[in-house]
Amino acid sequence: MSTIKHHHIRFRNAPAAGGVNDWTASLRTCKGITNISIDTEKNDLFAEYDLKICKEEDVERCMLDIGFVLEDSVMERIKRGWIHFTEENEQSEFKHKGASCCDISEIEEKRKRD
C-alpha cells in the first residue's frame, strides 16, 4: 500500500492577504506535504502528502490557519469526512503492522462475553 496520497480540496474563499506563491510556500512548511498546487479560478487545491506523516485533515488545518475557507457544501463535507475516516484507519494499520482495523474473531469473542 502506498503511503503517498493525492487529494483535491475545494475551498470557498482564498486568503485575503498574499497570493498563490505565498500560500503555496506556507503550506509546504506543513510537515508531510510533498506537493501543493492551487487553482484560484476553480477554488481547488491539489495536495500530495505522505500519510505516514500527515492526513488530509492536517492539510485542511494548515489551509484554515493561513486563511482559506473550505467549501462547505454537503457533498464536500461528506467527501472530506470519508477521507478522514479512511485515512485514520490506514494510519492505524501502519501502527499495527498491517493488521486490519476490524478483527472479526476479536469482535465475536467480545460479543460472546457481553
N, C-alpha and C. Protein backbone atom coordinates (compact mmCIF):
# COMPACT_ATOMS: atom_id res chain seq x y z
N MET A 1 0.85 -1.18 0.00
CA MET A 1 0.00 0.00 0.00
C MET A 1 0.89 1.24 0.00
N SER A 2 0.62 2.14 -0.91
CA SER A 2 1.39 3.38 -0.99
C SER A 2 0.99 4.33 0.14
N THR A 3 1.96 5.03 0.66
CA THR A 3 1.66 6.00 1.71
C THR A 3 1.52 7.42 1.16
N ILE A 4 1.76 7.58 -0.13
CA ILE A 4 1.61 8.91 -0.75
C ILE A 4 0.16 9.07 -1.20
N LYS A 5 -0.47 10.14 -0.73
CA LYS A 5 -1.87 10.42 -1.06
C LYS A 5 -1.95 11.65 -1.95
N HIS A 6 -2.96 11.66 -2.81
CA HIS A 6 -3.23 12.78 -3.71
C HIS A 6 -4.70 13.15 -3.57
N HIS A 7 -4.97 14.37 -3.14
CA HIS A 7 -6.36 14.79 -2.99
C HIS A 7 -6.55 16.22 -3.45
N HIS A 8 -7.75 16.47 -3.95
CA HIS A 8 -8.19 17.82 -4.27
C HIS A 8 -9.08 18.28 -3.14
N ILE A 9 -8.79 19.46 -2.64
CA ILE A 9 -9.57 20.04 -1.55
C ILE A 9 -10.20 21.32 -2.08
N ARG A 10 -11.51 21.34 -2.09
CA ARG A 10 -12.23 22.51 -2.59
C ARG A 10 -12.32 23.56 -1.49
N PHE A 11 -12.12 24.82 -1.88
CA PHE A 11 -12.27 25.91 -0.93
C PHE A 11 -13.25 26.94 -1.48
N ARG A 12 -13.91 27.63 -0.56
CA ARG A 12 -14.88 28.65 -0.96
C ARG A 12 -14.17 29.98 -1.20
N ASN A 13 -13.25 30.32 -0.29
CA ASN A 13 -12.51 31.58 -0.40
C ASN A 13 -11.04 31.35 -0.11
N ALA A 14 -10.21 32.05 -0.90
CA ALA A 14 -8.77 32.05 -0.66
C ALA A 14 -8.47 33.13 0.37
N PRO A 15 -7.29 33.08 0.98
CA PRO A 15 -6.93 34.11 1.96
C PRO A 15 -6.96 35.51 1.33
N ALA A 16 -7.32 36.50 2.13
CA ALA A 16 -7.38 37.88 1.65
C ALA A 16 -5.98 38.43 1.39
N ALA A 17 -5.02 38.01 2.19
CA ALA A 17 -3.65 38.52 2.06
C ALA A 17 -2.78 37.55 1.28
N GLY A 18 -1.79 38.10 0.59
CA GLY A 18 -0.82 37.28 -0.13
C GLY A 18 -1.35 36.83 -1.48
N GLY A 19 -0.64 35.90 -2.06
CA GLY A 19 -1.00 35.36 -3.36
C GLY A 19 -0.67 33.88 -3.42
N VAL A 20 -0.87 33.28 -4.56
CA VAL A 20 -0.69 31.83 -4.73
C VAL A 20 0.71 31.39 -4.29
N ASN A 21 1.73 32.15 -4.67
CA ASN A 21 3.10 31.76 -4.29
C ASN A 21 3.29 31.79 -2.78
N ASP A 22 2.74 32.81 -2.11
CA ASP A 22 2.84 32.90 -0.65
C ASP A 22 2.10 31.75 0.02
N TRP A 23 0.89 31.47 -0.46
CA TRP A 23 0.08 30.39 0.14
C TRP A 23 0.75 29.04 -0.06
N THR A 24 1.28 28.83 -1.25
CA THR A 24 1.97 27.57 -1.55
C THR A 24 3.17 27.40 -0.63
N ALA A 25 3.96 28.46 -0.48
CA ALA A 25 5.14 28.40 0.40
C ALA A 25 4.73 28.11 1.84
N SER A 26 3.66 28.74 2.31
CA SER A 26 3.19 28.49 3.68
C SER A 26 2.74 27.05 3.86
N LEU A 27 2.01 26.53 2.89
CA LEU A 27 1.52 25.15 3.00
C LEU A 27 2.64 24.13 2.91
N ARG A 28 3.68 24.43 2.15
CA ARG A 28 4.81 23.50 2.04
C ARG A 28 5.56 23.34 3.36
N THR A 29 5.37 24.28 4.29
CA THR A 29 6.03 24.16 5.59
C THR A 29 5.31 23.16 6.50
N CYS A 30 4.10 22.78 6.14
CA CYS A 30 3.37 21.79 6.93
C CYS A 30 4.03 20.43 6.75
N LYS A 31 4.31 19.79 7.84
CA LYS A 31 5.03 18.52 7.83
C LYS A 31 4.27 17.45 7.05
N GLY A 32 4.96 16.79 6.12
CA GLY A 32 4.39 15.68 5.37
C GLY A 32 3.93 16.03 3.97
N ILE A 33 3.69 17.32 3.70
CA ILE A 33 3.23 17.73 2.38
C ILE A 33 4.40 17.70 1.41
N THR A 34 4.21 17.01 0.28
CA THR A 34 5.28 16.91 -0.71
C THR A 34 5.03 17.75 -1.94
N ASN A 35 3.77 18.08 -2.21
CA ASN A 35 3.46 18.90 -3.38
C ASN A 35 2.13 19.62 -3.16
N ILE A 36 2.07 20.86 -3.60
CA ILE A 36 0.86 21.68 -3.48
C ILE A 36 0.66 22.43 -4.79
N SER A 37 -0.57 22.49 -5.24
CA SER A 37 -0.93 23.29 -6.41
C SER A 37 -2.27 23.94 -6.12
N ILE A 38 -2.37 25.25 -6.34
CA ILE A 38 -3.59 25.99 -6.03
C ILE A 38 -4.15 26.60 -7.30
N ASP A 39 -5.42 26.32 -7.58
CA ASP A 39 -6.12 26.90 -8.72
C ASP A 39 -7.22 27.82 -8.19
N THR A 40 -6.96 29.12 -8.21
CA THR A 40 -7.92 30.08 -7.66
C THR A 40 -9.15 30.26 -8.54
N GLU A 41 -9.04 29.93 -9.82
CA GLU A 41 -10.20 30.04 -10.70
C GLU A 41 -11.22 28.95 -10.43
N LYS A 42 -10.75 27.78 -10.06
CA LYS A 42 -11.63 26.64 -9.77
C LYS A 42 -11.83 26.44 -8.28
N ASN A 43 -11.18 27.27 -7.45
CA ASN A 43 -11.22 27.11 -5.99
C ASN A 43 -10.87 25.69 -5.58
N ASP A 44 -9.72 25.25 -6.07
CA ASP A 44 -9.28 23.87 -5.89
C ASP A 44 -7.82 23.86 -5.47
N LEU A 45 -7.52 23.08 -4.46
CA LEU A 45 -6.14 22.90 -4.02
C LEU A 45 -5.80 21.43 -4.18
N PHE A 46 -4.73 21.13 -4.88
CA PHE A 46 -4.25 19.77 -5.03
C PHE A 46 -3.14 19.57 -4.02
N ALA A 47 -3.27 18.55 -3.19
CA ALA A 47 -2.25 18.26 -2.19
C ALA A 47 -1.74 16.83 -2.35
N GLU A 48 -0.44 16.70 -2.27
CA GLU A 48 0.21 15.40 -2.24
C GLU A 48 0.96 15.33 -0.92
N TYR A 49 0.76 14.25 -0.18
CA TYR A 49 1.38 14.16 1.15
C TYR A 49 1.61 12.71 1.52
N ASP A 50 2.48 12.53 2.49
CA ASP A 50 2.81 11.20 2.98
C ASP A 50 1.92 10.88 4.18
N LEU A 51 1.08 9.87 4.03
CA LEU A 51 0.12 9.51 5.07
C LEU A 51 0.80 9.03 6.36
N LYS A 52 2.04 8.60 6.27
CA LYS A 52 2.73 8.21 7.49
C LYS A 52 3.08 9.43 8.34
N ILE A 53 3.05 10.62 7.73
CA ILE A 53 3.42 11.84 8.44
C ILE A 53 2.22 12.73 8.72
N CYS A 54 1.30 12.82 7.77
CA CYS A 54 0.13 13.68 7.97
C CYS A 54 -1.08 13.11 7.24
N LYS A 55 -2.24 13.72 7.49
CA LYS A 55 -3.50 13.31 6.86
C LYS A 55 -4.09 14.53 6.16
N GLU A 56 -5.13 14.28 5.35
CA GLU A 56 -5.80 15.41 4.70
C GLU A 56 -6.32 16.40 5.73
N GLU A 57 -6.76 15.89 6.85
CA GLU A 57 -7.26 16.75 7.92
C GLU A 57 -6.18 17.75 8.37
N ASP A 58 -4.92 17.32 8.40
CA ASP A 58 -3.81 18.21 8.75
C ASP A 58 -3.60 19.27 7.67
N VAL A 59 -3.73 18.86 6.42
CA VAL A 59 -3.60 19.82 5.30
C VAL A 59 -4.70 20.86 5.41
N GLU A 60 -5.92 20.41 5.68
CA GLU A 60 -7.05 21.33 5.82
C GLU A 60 -6.81 22.31 6.97
N ARG A 61 -6.27 21.81 8.08
CA ARG A 61 -5.99 22.67 9.23
C ARG A 61 -4.96 23.75 8.84
N CYS A 62 -3.94 23.36 8.09
CA CYS A 62 -2.94 24.32 7.61
C CYS A 62 -3.59 25.35 6.69
N MET A 63 -4.50 24.89 5.84
CA MET A 63 -5.22 25.82 4.95
C MET A 63 -6.00 26.84 5.77
N LEU A 64 -6.71 26.37 6.78
CA LEU A 64 -7.50 27.26 7.63
C LEU A 64 -6.60 28.25 8.36
N ASP A 65 -5.45 27.78 8.81
CA ASP A 65 -4.51 28.64 9.54
C ASP A 65 -4.02 29.82 8.71
N ILE A 66 -3.89 29.62 7.39
CA ILE A 66 -3.40 30.74 6.58
C ILE A 66 -4.53 31.56 5.96
N GLY A 67 -5.78 31.14 6.22
CA GLY A 67 -6.90 31.98 5.80
C GLY A 67 -7.85 31.43 4.77
N PHE A 68 -7.66 30.20 4.33
CA PHE A 68 -8.61 29.60 3.39
C PHE A 68 -9.92 29.31 4.12
N VAL A 69 -11.01 29.39 3.38
CA VAL A 69 -12.32 28.97 3.88
C VAL A 69 -12.71 27.76 3.03
N LEU A 70 -12.87 26.61 3.67
CA LEU A 70 -13.18 25.39 2.93
C LEU A 70 -14.61 25.43 2.40
N GLU A 71 -14.81 24.79 1.26
CA GLU A 71 -16.15 24.62 0.68
C GLU A 71 -16.96 23.82 1.68
N ASP A 72 -18.18 24.27 1.98
CA ASP A 72 -18.96 23.58 3.00
C ASP A 72 -20.26 22.99 2.48
N SER A 73 -20.30 22.68 1.19
CA SER A 73 -21.49 22.01 0.67
C SER A 73 -21.58 20.62 1.29
N VAL A 74 -22.76 20.06 1.27
CA VAL A 74 -22.97 18.74 1.86
C VAL A 74 -22.05 17.71 1.23
N MET A 75 -21.95 17.72 -0.08
CA MET A 75 -21.11 16.73 -0.77
C MET A 75 -19.64 16.86 -0.37
N GLU A 76 -19.15 18.08 -0.27
CA GLU A 76 -17.75 18.29 0.11
C GLU A 76 -17.50 17.85 1.55
N ARG A 77 -18.43 18.13 2.44
CA ARG A 77 -18.27 17.72 3.84
C ARG A 77 -18.29 16.19 3.95
N ILE A 78 -19.17 15.54 3.18
CA ILE A 78 -19.22 14.06 3.18
C ILE A 78 -17.91 13.50 2.63
N LYS A 79 -17.44 14.07 1.53
CA LYS A 79 -16.20 13.60 0.91
C LYS A 79 -15.03 13.74 1.90
N ARG A 80 -14.90 14.90 2.52
CA ARG A 80 -13.81 15.11 3.47
C ARG A 80 -13.95 14.17 4.67
N GLY A 81 -15.17 13.99 5.16
CA GLY A 81 -15.39 13.09 6.29
C GLY A 81 -14.98 11.66 5.96
N TRP A 82 -15.32 11.21 4.76
CA TRP A 82 -14.96 9.86 4.35
C TRP A 82 -13.45 9.71 4.25
N ILE A 83 -12.79 10.72 3.68
CA ILE A 83 -11.33 10.67 3.57
C ILE A 83 -10.70 10.65 4.96
N HIS A 84 -11.21 11.48 5.88
CA HIS A 84 -10.68 11.49 7.25
C HIS A 84 -10.82 10.11 7.88
N PHE A 85 -11.98 9.50 7.71
CA PHE A 85 -12.25 8.17 8.28
C PHE A 85 -11.29 7.12 7.72
N THR A 86 -11.17 7.08 6.39
CA THR A 86 -10.33 6.04 5.78
C THR A 86 -8.86 6.26 6.10
N GLU A 87 -8.42 7.52 6.13
CA GLU A 87 -7.01 7.76 6.44
C GLU A 87 -6.69 7.42 7.89
N GLU A 88 -7.62 7.66 8.78
CA GLU A 88 -7.44 7.28 10.18
C GLU A 88 -7.25 5.76 10.28
N ASN A 89 -8.06 5.01 9.53
CA ASN A 89 -7.93 3.55 9.52
C ASN A 89 -6.61 3.10 8.91
N GLU A 90 -6.20 3.74 7.82
CA GLU A 90 -4.94 3.38 7.18
C GLU A 90 -3.77 3.64 8.12
N GLN A 91 -3.79 4.79 8.81
CA GLN A 91 -2.72 5.08 9.76
C GLN A 91 -2.71 4.06 10.90
N SER A 92 -3.88 3.64 11.32
CA SER A 92 -3.97 2.62 12.36
C SER A 92 -3.34 1.31 11.88
N GLU A 93 -3.56 0.96 10.63
CA GLU A 93 -2.95 -0.24 10.06
C GLU A 93 -1.43 -0.14 10.05
N PHE A 94 -0.90 1.06 9.75
CA PHE A 94 0.55 1.24 9.77
C PHE A 94 1.08 0.97 11.17
N LYS A 95 0.38 1.48 12.18
CA LYS A 95 0.81 1.31 13.56
C LYS A 95 0.75 -0.14 14.01
N HIS A 96 -0.22 -0.87 13.47
CA HIS A 96 -0.40 -2.27 13.86
C HIS A 96 0.21 -3.23 12.84
N LYS A 97 1.08 -2.71 12.02
CA LYS A 97 1.85 -3.50 11.05
C LYS A 97 0.98 -4.38 10.16
N GLY A 98 -0.02 -3.74 9.53
CA GLY A 98 -0.82 -4.43 8.54
C GLY A 98 -2.03 -5.16 9.06
N ALA A 99 -2.21 -5.20 10.37
CA ALA A 99 -3.41 -5.85 10.90
C ALA A 99 -4.63 -5.03 10.51
N SER A 100 -5.69 -5.70 10.15
CA SER A 100 -6.87 -4.95 9.72
C SER A 100 -7.50 -4.23 10.90
N CYS A 101 -8.27 -3.20 10.60
CA CYS A 101 -8.88 -2.39 11.65
C CYS A 101 -9.99 -3.15 12.37
N CYS A 102 -10.52 -4.17 11.75
CA CYS A 102 -11.62 -4.93 12.35
C CYS A 102 -11.25 -6.40 12.40
N ASP A 103 -10.86 -6.86 13.56
CA ASP A 103 -10.52 -8.26 13.75
C ASP A 103 -11.81 -9.00 14.09
N ILE A 104 -12.34 -9.74 13.13
CA ILE A 104 -13.62 -10.42 13.29
C ILE A 104 -13.61 -11.37 14.47
N SER A 105 -12.54 -12.12 14.66
CA SER A 105 -12.51 -13.05 15.79
C SER A 105 -12.56 -12.30 17.12
N GLU A 106 -11.90 -11.17 17.20
CA GLU A 106 -11.95 -10.36 18.41
C GLU A 106 -13.36 -9.83 18.66
N ILE A 107 -14.04 -9.41 17.61
CA ILE A 107 -15.41 -8.91 17.73
C ILE A 107 -16.33 -10.03 18.19
N GLU A 108 -16.19 -11.23 17.62
CA GLU A 108 -17.01 -12.37 18.01
C GLU A 108 -16.78 -12.75 19.47
N GLU A 109 -15.54 -12.75 19.89
CA GLU A 109 -15.22 -13.07 21.29
C GLU A 109 -15.87 -12.04 22.23
N LYS A 110 -15.78 -10.79 21.88
CA LYS A 110 -16.37 -9.75 22.72
C LYS A 110 -17.89 -9.90 22.80
N ARG A 111 -18.50 -10.24 21.67
CA ARG A 111 -19.95 -10.42 21.64
C ARG A 111 -20.37 -11.59 22.52
N LYS A 112 -19.60 -12.65 22.54
CA LYS A 112 -19.89 -13.82 23.38
C LYS A 112 -19.81 -13.45 24.87
N ARG A 113 -18.84 -12.60 25.21
CA ARG A 113 -18.67 -12.20 26.62
C ARG A 113 -19.80 -11.27 27.07
N ASP A 114 -20.32 -10.47 26.17
CA ASP A 114 -21.37 -9.48 26.53
C ASP A 114 -22.69 -10.09 26.55
